[in-house]
Amino acid sequence: MEDSPSLARERERAAFDRAIELMKRADAPDAPAEARSEAVSFVQRLWSLLIDDLAKPENELAVQLRADLISIGLWNMSQTDQIMRGDASSFESLIYINTMIRDGLR
């Protein structure tokens, strides 16, 4: 049985809520390395699934919107890689962008 669009959006919003929560915890000054690793792992898994879905021809979103969201997803992956390598230290921009995407799902 296929999910209704409203149920799918609800699940997507919940996944973004979780990602944002994890990133906020990981961005705290006293956050342990495990919190950063958990946030990065979750964000990368989330965007990997979204990119995979967006790339499917049967995805019903407009082609340009799909391309834009894939670009945002790739940026998320790049930013989280930089955080894990130590080339970036803050989740601030990731939190902002993912919050905007989540809020657009309402």
N, C-alpha and C. Protein backbone atom coordinates (compact mmCIF):
# COMPACT_ATOMS: atom_id res chain seq x y z
N MET A 1 0.84 -1.18 0.00
CA MET A 1 0.00 0.00 0.00
C MET A 1 0.88 1.24 0.00
N GLU A 2 0.60 2.14 -0.89
CA GLU A 2 1.40 3.35 -1.03
C GLU A 2 0.90 4.42 -0.05
N ASP A 3 1.85 5.19 0.50
CA ASP A 3 1.49 6.27 1.42
C ASP A 3 0.79 7.40 0.69
N SER A 4 -0.14 8.04 1.38
CA SER A 4 -0.76 9.23 0.82
C SER A 4 0.27 10.35 0.84
N PRO A 5 0.13 11.35 -0.04
CA PRO A 5 1.08 12.47 -0.04
C PRO A 5 1.16 13.18 1.32
N SER A 6 0.04 13.32 2.01
CA SER A 6 0.07 14.01 3.30
C SER A 6 0.82 13.20 4.35
N LEU A 7 0.67 11.88 4.33
CA LEU A 7 1.40 11.03 5.26
C LEU A 7 2.90 11.05 4.95
N ALA A 8 3.23 11.03 3.67
CA ALA A 8 4.64 11.10 3.27
C ALA A 8 5.27 12.41 3.73
N ARG A 9 4.56 13.51 3.56
CA ARG A 9 5.09 14.81 4.01
C ARG A 9 5.24 14.85 5.52
N GLU A 10 4.29 14.26 6.22
CA GLU A 10 4.38 14.21 7.69
C GLU A 10 5.63 13.44 8.12
N ARG A 11 5.91 12.35 7.46
CA ARG A 11 7.11 11.57 7.77
C ARG A 11 8.37 12.35 7.43
N GLU A 12 8.35 13.05 6.30
CA GLU A 12 9.51 13.88 5.93
C GLU A 12 9.74 14.98 6.96
N ARG A 13 8.66 15.63 7.39
CA ARG A 13 8.79 16.68 8.42
C ARG A 13 9.37 16.10 9.71
N ALA A 14 8.91 14.93 10.10
CA ALA A 14 9.42 14.29 11.31
C ALA A 14 10.91 13.98 11.18
N ALA A 15 11.33 13.53 10.01
CA ALA A 15 12.75 13.24 9.78
C ALA A 15 13.57 14.53 9.85
N PHE A 16 13.06 15.60 9.27
CA PHE A 16 13.77 16.89 9.36
C PHE A 16 13.79 17.40 10.80
N ASP A 17 12.69 17.23 11.52
CA ASP A 17 12.68 17.62 12.94
C ASP A 17 13.79 16.91 13.70
N ARG A 18 13.93 15.62 13.46
CA ARG A 18 14.97 14.83 14.14
C ARG A 18 16.36 15.31 13.73
N ALA A 19 16.57 15.55 12.45
CA ALA A 19 17.87 16.03 11.97
C ALA A 19 18.23 17.36 12.62
N ILE A 20 17.27 18.26 12.67
CA ILE A 20 17.50 19.59 13.25
C ILE A 20 17.80 19.47 14.74
N GLU A 21 17.05 18.64 15.43
CA GLU A 21 17.29 18.42 16.86
C GLU A 21 18.71 17.89 17.09
N LEU A 22 19.11 16.90 16.32
CA LEU A 22 20.46 16.32 16.47
C LEU A 22 21.54 17.36 16.17
N MET A 23 21.33 18.16 15.13
CA MET A 23 22.34 19.18 14.78
C MET A 23 22.43 20.25 15.85
N LYS A 24 21.30 20.65 16.42
CA LYS A 24 21.34 21.66 17.48
C LYS A 24 22.10 21.13 18.70
N ARG A 25 21.86 19.88 19.05
CA ARG A 25 22.60 19.28 20.17
C ARG A 25 24.09 19.20 19.86
N ALA A 26 24.41 18.80 18.65
CA ALA A 26 25.81 18.65 18.25
C ALA A 26 26.53 19.99 18.14
N ASP A 27 25.77 21.06 17.92
CA ASP A 27 26.35 22.39 17.76
C ASP A 27 26.63 23.08 19.10
N ALA A 28 26.18 22.48 20.19
CA ALA A 28 26.43 23.06 21.52
C ALA A 28 27.93 23.04 21.81
N PRO A 29 28.43 24.08 22.49
CA PRO A 29 29.87 24.17 22.76
C PRO A 29 30.45 22.95 23.48
N ASP A 30 29.67 22.34 24.35
CA ASP A 30 30.16 21.20 25.13
C ASP A 30 29.72 19.85 24.56
N ALA A 31 29.28 19.84 23.31
CA ALA A 31 28.79 18.60 22.70
C ALA A 31 29.92 17.60 22.50
N PRO A 32 29.69 16.35 22.88
CA PRO A 32 30.72 15.33 22.66
C PRO A 32 30.83 14.98 21.17
N ALA A 33 31.94 14.40 20.81
CA ALA A 33 32.18 14.00 19.42
C ALA A 33 31.10 13.04 18.92
N GLU A 34 30.57 12.22 19.82
CA GLU A 34 29.53 11.26 19.43
C GLU A 34 28.27 11.98 18.95
N ALA A 35 27.96 13.12 19.56
CA ALA A 35 26.78 13.89 19.14
C ALA A 35 26.98 14.43 17.73
N ARG A 36 28.19 14.91 17.44
CA ARG A 36 28.49 15.42 16.10
C ARG A 36 28.39 14.28 15.08
N SER A 37 28.95 13.14 15.43
CA SER A 37 28.93 11.99 14.54
C SER A 37 27.50 11.51 14.28
N GLU A 38 26.69 11.47 15.33
CA GLU A 38 25.29 11.04 15.18
C GLU A 38 24.52 12.01 14.28
N ALA A 39 24.72 13.30 14.48
CA ALA A 39 24.03 14.30 13.65
C ALA A 39 24.45 14.18 12.19
N VAL A 40 25.74 14.09 11.96
CA VAL A 40 26.25 13.98 10.59
C VAL A 40 25.70 12.72 9.93
N SER A 41 25.75 11.61 10.62
CA SER A 41 25.27 10.35 10.07
C SER A 41 23.79 10.43 9.71
N PHE A 42 22.99 11.00 10.60
CA PHE A 42 21.55 11.10 10.34
C PHE A 42 21.27 12.00 9.15
N VAL A 43 21.92 13.17 9.10
CA VAL A 43 21.70 14.11 8.00
C VAL A 43 22.12 13.48 6.67
N GLN A 44 23.25 12.79 6.67
CA GLN A 44 23.70 12.15 5.43
C GLN A 44 22.74 11.05 4.98
N ARG A 45 22.24 10.25 5.91
CA ARG A 45 21.27 9.20 5.54
C ARG A 45 19.98 9.82 5.02
N LEU A 46 19.51 10.86 5.71
CA LEU A 46 18.27 11.54 5.29
C LEU A 46 18.40 12.06 3.86
N TRP A 47 19.47 12.81 3.61
CA TRP A 47 19.62 13.40 2.29
C TRP A 47 19.94 12.36 1.22
N SER A 48 20.59 11.29 1.59
CA SER A 48 20.85 10.22 0.63
C SER A 48 19.52 9.61 0.16
N LEU A 49 18.62 9.36 1.11
CA LEU A 49 17.30 8.82 0.76
C LEU A 49 16.50 9.81 -0.08
N LEU A 50 16.55 11.08 0.31
CA LEU A 50 15.80 12.10 -0.44
C LEU A 50 16.34 12.26 -1.86
N ILE A 51 17.66 12.31 -1.99
CA ILE A 51 18.26 12.45 -3.32
C ILE A 51 17.89 11.26 -4.19
N ASP A 52 17.94 10.07 -3.62
CA ASP A 52 17.57 8.87 -4.37
C ASP A 52 16.13 8.97 -4.87
N ASP A 53 15.22 9.41 -4.01
CA ASP A 53 13.82 9.55 -4.39
C ASP A 53 13.64 10.66 -5.43
N LEU A 54 14.32 11.78 -5.24
CA LEU A 54 14.19 12.90 -6.17
C LEU A 54 14.72 12.56 -7.56
N ALA A 55 15.67 11.67 -7.64
CA ALA A 55 16.27 11.30 -8.93
C ALA A 55 15.41 10.33 -9.73
N LYS A 56 14.41 9.76 -9.11
CA LYS A 56 13.56 8.79 -9.81
C LYS A 56 12.62 9.50 -10.78
N PRO A 57 12.51 8.98 -12.00
CA PRO A 57 11.63 9.62 -12.99
C PRO A 57 10.17 9.68 -12.54
N GLU A 58 9.75 8.73 -11.72
CA GLU A 58 8.35 8.71 -11.29
C GLU A 58 8.05 9.72 -10.18
N ASN A 59 9.07 10.41 -9.68
CA ASN A 59 8.84 11.45 -8.68
C ASN A 59 7.98 12.54 -9.33
N GLU A 60 6.92 12.94 -8.66
CA GLU A 60 5.93 13.84 -9.26
C GLU A 60 6.25 15.32 -9.11
N LEU A 61 7.32 15.68 -8.41
CA LEU A 61 7.68 17.09 -8.30
C LEU A 61 8.17 17.60 -9.66
N ALA A 62 8.05 18.91 -9.86
CA ALA A 62 8.54 19.53 -11.09
C ALA A 62 10.04 19.26 -11.24
N VAL A 63 10.47 19.08 -12.46
CA VAL A 63 11.87 18.72 -12.74
C VAL A 63 12.83 19.74 -12.13
N GLN A 64 12.56 21.03 -12.29
CA GLN A 64 13.48 22.05 -11.76
C GLN A 64 13.52 22.02 -10.23
N LEU A 65 12.38 21.82 -9.60
CA LEU A 65 12.36 21.73 -8.14
C LEU A 65 13.16 20.52 -7.67
N ARG A 66 13.00 19.42 -8.36
CA ARG A 66 13.77 18.22 -8.02
C ARG A 66 15.26 18.49 -8.15
N ALA A 67 15.65 19.14 -9.23
CA ALA A 67 17.07 19.46 -9.44
C ALA A 67 17.59 20.38 -8.34
N ASP A 68 16.78 21.38 -7.97
CA ASP A 68 17.18 22.30 -6.90
C ASP A 68 17.34 21.58 -5.57
N LEU A 69 16.41 20.69 -5.26
CA LEU A 69 16.48 19.95 -4.00
C LEU A 69 17.66 18.97 -3.99
N ILE A 70 17.95 18.37 -5.13
CA ILE A 70 19.13 17.51 -5.22
C ILE A 70 20.39 18.33 -4.96
N SER A 71 20.47 19.53 -5.52
CA SER A 71 21.62 20.40 -5.28
C SER A 71 21.75 20.75 -3.80
N ILE A 72 20.64 21.04 -3.16
CA ILE A 72 20.66 21.33 -1.72
C ILE A 72 21.11 20.09 -0.95
N GLY A 73 20.64 18.93 -1.37
CA GLY A 73 21.06 17.69 -0.72
C GLY A 73 22.55 17.44 -0.85
N LEU A 74 23.08 17.68 -2.03
CA LEU A 74 24.53 17.50 -2.23
C LEU A 74 25.32 18.49 -1.39
N TRP A 75 24.81 19.71 -1.26
CA TRP A 75 25.46 20.70 -0.40
C TRP A 75 25.45 20.22 1.05
N ASN A 76 24.33 19.67 1.50
CA ASN A 76 24.25 19.11 2.86
C ASN A 76 25.30 18.03 3.06
N MET A 77 25.44 17.15 2.09
CA MET A 77 26.43 16.07 2.19
C MET A 77 27.84 16.65 2.28
N SER A 78 28.11 17.65 1.45
CA SER A 78 29.43 18.28 1.46
C SER A 78 29.72 18.96 2.80
N GLN A 79 28.73 19.68 3.32
CA GLN A 79 28.90 20.39 4.60
C GLN A 79 29.14 19.41 5.75
N THR A 80 28.39 18.32 5.76
CA THR A 80 28.58 17.35 6.84
C THR A 80 29.93 16.66 6.72
N ASP A 81 30.39 16.42 5.50
CA ASP A 81 31.74 15.88 5.31
C ASP A 81 32.79 16.84 5.88
N GLN A 82 32.61 18.13 5.61
CA GLN A 82 33.56 19.13 6.13
C GLN A 82 33.56 19.15 7.65
N ILE A 83 32.41 19.00 8.25
CA ILE A 83 32.34 18.98 9.72
C ILE A 83 33.10 17.77 10.26
N MET A 84 32.89 16.62 9.65
CA MET A 84 33.57 15.41 10.14
C MET A 84 35.08 15.48 9.94
N ARG A 85 35.52 16.14 8.88
CA ARG A 85 36.96 16.29 8.64
C ARG A 85 37.58 17.37 9.52
N GLY A 86 36.75 18.19 10.14
CA GLY A 86 37.25 19.29 10.95
C GLY A 86 37.49 20.56 10.16
N ASP A 87 37.07 20.58 8.89
CA ASP A 87 37.22 21.77 8.05
C ASP A 87 36.13 22.81 8.32
N ALA A 88 35.08 22.40 9.01
CA ALA A 88 34.00 23.30 9.42
C ALA A 88 33.63 22.88 10.84
N SER A 89 33.21 23.84 11.64
CA SER A 89 32.94 23.50 13.03
C SER A 89 31.50 23.71 13.46
N SER A 90 30.73 24.42 12.66
CA SER A 90 29.37 24.76 13.08
C SER A 90 28.32 24.12 12.17
N PHE A 91 27.22 23.76 12.79
CA PHE A 91 26.06 23.24 12.07
C PHE A 91 25.08 24.36 11.71
N GLU A 92 25.43 25.60 12.03
CA GLU A 92 24.49 26.71 11.91
C GLU A 92 23.84 26.80 10.52
N SER A 93 24.63 26.78 9.46
CA SER A 93 24.05 26.91 8.12
C SER A 93 23.21 25.68 7.76
N LEU A 94 23.64 24.52 8.20
CA LEU A 94 22.85 23.30 7.96
C LEU A 94 21.51 23.36 8.70
N ILE A 95 21.55 23.82 9.92
CA ILE A 95 20.30 23.95 10.70
C ILE A 95 19.35 24.92 9.99
N TYR A 96 19.88 26.04 9.53
CA TYR A 96 19.06 27.05 8.86
C TYR A 96 18.41 26.47 7.59
N ILE A 97 19.22 25.87 6.73
CA ILE A 97 18.70 25.35 5.45
C ILE A 97 17.70 24.21 5.68
N ASN A 98 18.03 23.30 6.58
CA ASN A 98 17.13 22.17 6.83
C ASN A 98 15.83 22.63 7.48
N THR A 99 15.89 23.68 8.29
CA THR A 99 14.67 24.25 8.87
C THR A 99 13.80 24.85 7.77
N MET A 100 14.43 25.55 6.82
CA MET A 100 13.67 26.13 5.71
C MET A 100 12.99 25.04 4.87
N ILE A 101 13.72 23.97 4.61
CA ILE A 101 13.15 22.86 3.84
C ILE A 101 11.99 22.24 4.61
N ARG A 102 12.21 21.97 5.90
CA ARG A 102 11.15 21.38 6.73
C ARG A 102 9.91 22.28 6.75
N ASP A 103 10.11 23.57 6.94
CA ASP A 103 8.98 24.48 7.00
C ASP A 103 8.23 24.57 5.67
N GLY A 104 8.93 24.32 4.58
CA GLY A 104 8.29 24.30 3.27
C GLY A 104 7.40 23.08 3.06
N LEU A 105 7.56 22.08 3.91
CA LEU A 105 6.74 20.86 3.80
C LEU A 105 5.40 21.00 4.49
N ARG A 106 5.14 22.08 5.15
CA ARG A 106 3.89 22.26 5.90
C ARG A 106 2.74 22.60 5.00
